């Protein structure tokens, strides 16, 4: 279940415990299972990990670590979500969850780095969305015009923007209140977009 930026998961172990996690995103269920398995291994290796403290920490991961950009809600009207997933598995999880979010039209602010094989990621992108191609401000960034050409080869609706800031502003200004603006494709794109919503 999910509420107020937290999710609750029921672990299928002997105690049938419920774990509250302040990281959103359906894929966190898999991450939590991995964390719990690691805790179990550490305990068997002699580490003394107090269960109550572990549960308290899981409920405050963002506060304790400063982790941002994992299925992070940035605005309600229009709804804006950012996620740093950038490889095939990450994008597959993102697209799966996007399908569960009610919206009229998806507007995706997208940028990538040039040292990745992007074809497999682009093949997954929803055809019915509008893509706002941009490049994060770093040497490894794929130029926005190259990304736009690659996106266009998959028959997707796309435009080029000179910066993440410009792409986000365009997506926001063009979005109706029931549209969904998604920001992702690269950790660096999300990192540049987050300050636009916190000031």
Protein backbone atom coordinates (compact mmCIF):
# COMPACT_ATOMS: atom_id res chain seq x y z
CA UNK A 1 0.00 0.00 0.00
CA UNK A 2 1.07 3.63 -0.46
CA UNK A 3 0.31 6.96 1.23
CA UNK A 4 1.94 10.34 1.88
CA UNK A 5 5.18 9.43 0.10
CA UNK A 6 5.54 6.12 1.97
CA UNK A 7 4.84 2.56 0.98
CA UNK A 8 4.07 -0.41 3.19
CA UNK A 9 5.17 -3.88 2.22
CA UNK A 10 4.33 -7.18 3.89
CA UNK A 11 7.45 -9.35 4.01
CA UNK A 12 6.73 -13.01 3.54
CA UNK A 13 9.03 -14.26 6.28
CA UNK A 14 8.33 -16.08 9.53
CA UNK A 15 7.17 -12.93 11.30
CA UNK A 16 4.95 -11.70 8.42
CA UNK A 17 6.12 -8.21 9.32
CA UNK A 18 4.98 -4.99 7.61
CA UNK A 19 7.80 -2.68 6.55
CA UNK A 20 7.22 1.00 5.86
CA UNK A 21 9.52 2.52 3.25
CA UNK A 22 9.78 6.20 2.35
CA UNK A 23 11.03 5.39 -1.15
CA UNK A 24 8.22 5.21 -3.68
CA UNK A 25 8.16 3.24 -6.90
CA UNK A 26 6.80 -0.25 -7.35
CA UNK A 27 10.30 -1.58 -7.99
CA UNK A 28 11.21 -0.81 -4.38
CA UNK A 29 9.50 -4.10 -3.44
CA UNK A 30 12.38 -5.92 -5.19
CA UNK A 31 14.96 -3.64 -3.59
CA UNK A 32 13.47 -4.21 -0.14
CA UNK A 33 13.61 -7.98 -0.62
CA UNK A 34 17.32 -7.66 -1.45
CA UNK A 35 17.95 -5.46 1.59
CA UNK A 36 16.14 -7.91 3.88
CA UNK A 37 18.13 -10.84 2.45
CA UNK A 38 21.39 -8.92 3.04
CA UNK A 39 20.35 -8.18 6.64
CA UNK A 40 19.67 -11.88 7.16
CA UNK A 41 23.13 -12.80 5.81
CA UNK A 42 24.81 -10.18 8.00
CA UNK A 43 23.00 -11.48 11.09
CA UNK A 44 24.12 -15.04 10.34
CA UNK A 45 27.66 -13.68 10.03
CA UNK A 46 27.51 -12.28 13.56
CA UNK A 47 26.36 -8.70 13.01
CA UNK A 48 23.98 -7.46 15.68
CA UNK A 49 21.33 -5.51 13.79
CA UNK A 50 18.45 -4.36 15.95
CA UNK A 51 15.25 -5.03 14.01
CA UNK A 52 13.41 -1.98 15.34
CA UNK A 53 16.28 0.32 14.29
CA UNK A 54 16.41 -1.29 10.86
CA UNK A 55 12.66 -0.75 10.42
CA UNK A 56 12.97 2.88 11.58
CA UNK A 57 15.83 3.46 9.12
CA UNK A 58 13.87 1.98 6.20
CA UNK A 59 11.04 4.41 6.93
CA UNK A 60 13.54 7.33 6.73
CA UNK A 61 15.92 6.41 3.90
CA UNK A 62 15.56 9.77 2.14
CA UNK A 63 16.15 11.73 5.33
CA UNK A 64 19.11 9.59 6.43
CA UNK A 65 20.86 9.36 3.05
CA UNK A 66 19.64 12.35 1.02
CA UNK A 67 18.63 9.94 -1.76
CA UNK A 68 16.50 11.69 -4.34
CA UNK A 69 15.11 11.02 -7.78
CA UNK A 70 13.60 7.59 -7.19
CA UNK A 71 10.01 7.85 -8.42
CA UNK A 72 9.93 11.29 -6.82
CA UNK A 73 6.78 13.38 -7.08
CA UNK A 74 7.69 17.00 -7.84
CA UNK A 75 4.31 18.59 -8.58
CA UNK A 76 0.65 17.68 -8.32
CA UNK A 77 -0.94 19.84 -11.05
CA UNK A 78 0.20 18.86 -13.52
CA UNK A 79 1.59 15.75 -11.95
CA UNK A 80 5.38 15.65 -12.36
CA UNK A 81 7.43 12.57 -11.49
CA UNK A 82 11.17 12.07 -11.83
CA UNK A 83 13.15 8.85 -11.74
CA UNK A 84 16.85 8.24 -12.30
CA UNK A 85 16.35 4.79 -13.88
CA UNK A 86 18.34 4.83 -17.11
CA UNK A 87 19.12 1.28 -18.24
CA UNK A 88 16.78 -1.24 -19.85
CA UNK A 89 15.67 -2.78 -16.56
CA UNK A 90 15.13 0.61 -14.93
CA UNK A 91 13.18 2.02 -17.87
CA UNK A 92 11.06 -1.15 -18.04
CA UNK A 93 10.10 -0.68 -14.36
CA UNK A 94 9.35 3.01 -14.93
CA UNK A 95 7.12 2.33 -17.93
CA UNK A 96 5.28 -0.37 -16.02
CA UNK A 97 4.50 2.06 -13.21
CA UNK A 98 3.64 4.93 -15.58
CA UNK A 99 0.82 2.74 -16.87
CA UNK A 100 -0.71 2.75 -13.38
CA UNK A 101 -0.73 6.55 -13.06
CA UNK A 102 -3.96 8.12 -14.36
CA UNK A 103 -3.22 10.79 -16.97
CA UNK A 104 -4.48 12.12 -20.28
CA UNK A 105 -1.14 12.62 -22.04
CA UNK A 106 2.44 11.72 -21.10
CA UNK A 107 5.11 14.37 -21.63
CA UNK A 108 8.60 12.92 -21.11
CA UNK A 109 11.61 15.18 -20.57
CA UNK A 110 14.44 12.93 -21.70
CA UNK A 111 18.20 13.13 -21.91
CA UNK A 112 20.90 10.48 -21.99
CA UNK A 113 24.65 10.08 -21.91
CA UNK A 114 26.52 9.21 -25.08
CA UNK A 115 28.46 6.21 -23.76
CA UNK A 116 25.32 4.06 -23.36
CA UNK A 117 23.60 1.83 -25.88
CA UNK A 118 20.31 3.70 -26.02
CA UNK A 119 18.55 1.70 -28.75
CA UNK A 120 17.28 -0.98 -26.34
CA UNK A 121 15.92 1.74 -24.04
CA UNK A 122 14.27 3.70 -26.86
CA UNK A 123 12.51 0.55 -28.08
CA UNK A 124 10.62 0.47 -24.76
CA UNK A 125 9.32 4.05 -24.83
CA UNK A 126 5.55 4.55 -25.14
CA UNK A 127 4.55 5.63 -28.65
CA UNK A 128 1.68 7.84 -27.49
CA UNK A 129 3.89 10.23 -25.45
CA UNK A 130 5.58 13.51 -26.41
CA UNK A 131 9.36 13.59 -25.85
CA UNK A 132 11.28 16.73 -24.90
CA UNK A 133 14.89 15.93 -25.83
CA UNK A 134 17.64 17.74 -23.97
CA UNK A 135 21.21 17.20 -22.84
CA UNK A 136 22.40 17.46 -19.26
CA UNK A 137 25.30 19.85 -18.74
CA UNK A 138 28.26 17.44 -18.75
CA UNK A 139 30.81 16.27 -21.34
CA UNK A 140 29.35 12.73 -21.54
CA UNK A 141 25.89 14.01 -22.47
CA UNK A 142 24.42 12.89 -25.75
CA UNK A 143 23.71 16.06 -27.73
CA UNK A 144 19.99 16.79 -27.81
CA UNK A 145 19.84 16.77 -31.61
CA UNK A 146 21.41 13.27 -31.75
CA UNK A 147 18.96 12.00 -29.12
CA UNK A 148 16.07 13.59 -30.99
CA UNK A 149 17.11 11.85 -34.22
CA UNK A 150 17.34 8.50 -32.41
CA UNK A 151 13.96 8.99 -30.73
CA UNK A 152 12.38 10.01 -34.05
CA UNK A 153 13.55 6.75 -35.73
CA UNK A 154 11.10 4.92 -33.43
CA UNK A 155 8.20 7.02 -34.73
CA UNK A 156 7.94 9.02 -31.52
CA UNK A 157 6.79 12.65 -31.28
CA UNK A 158 9.80 14.68 -30.22
CA UNK A 159 11.38 18.15 -30.07
CA UNK A 160 14.84 19.47 -29.18
CA UNK A 161 15.61 21.83 -26.30
CA UNK A 162 18.90 23.58 -25.48
CA UNK A 163 18.86 22.55 -21.80
CA UNK A 164 17.11 20.47 -19.19
CA UNK A 165 15.66 23.68 -17.78
CA UNK A 166 14.16 24.66 -21.15
CA UNK A 167 12.74 21.18 -21.74
CA UNK A 168 11.11 21.05 -18.30
CA UNK A 169 9.64 24.54 -18.68
CA UNK A 170 8.22 23.66 -22.11
CA UNK A 171 6.69 20.41 -20.86
CA UNK A 172 5.15 22.19 -17.88
CA UNK A 173 3.75 25.07 -19.94
CA UNK A 174 2.25 22.70 -22.53
CA UNK A 175 0.81 20.24 -20.01
CA UNK A 176 -2.87 20.29 -19.17
CA UNK A 177 -3.78 19.75 -15.53
CA UNK A 178 -4.54 16.08 -16.16
CA UNK A 179 -1.32 15.40 -18.09
CA UNK A 180 1.70 13.63 -16.61
CA UNK A 181 5.18 15.09 -16.98
CA UNK A 182 7.90 12.52 -16.47
CA UNK A 183 11.57 13.49 -16.16
CA UNK A 184 14.15 10.77 -16.74
CA UNK A 185 16.48 8.83 -18.98
CA UNK A 186 19.57 9.91 -17.08
CA UNK A 187 20.55 10.54 -13.47
CA UNK A 188 22.06 13.84 -14.65
CA UNK A 189 18.80 15.06 -16.22
CA UNK A 190 16.94 14.39 -12.98
CA UNK A 191 19.68 16.10 -10.95
CA UNK A 192 19.34 19.26 -13.05
CA UNK A 193 15.54 19.19 -12.91
CA UNK A 194 15.10 18.73 -9.15
CA UNK A 195 16.17 22.28 -8.17
CA UNK A 196 13.53 23.70 -10.54
CA UNK A 197 10.86 22.33 -8.20
CA UNK A 198 12.41 23.09 -4.82
CA UNK A 199 12.82 26.85 -5.08
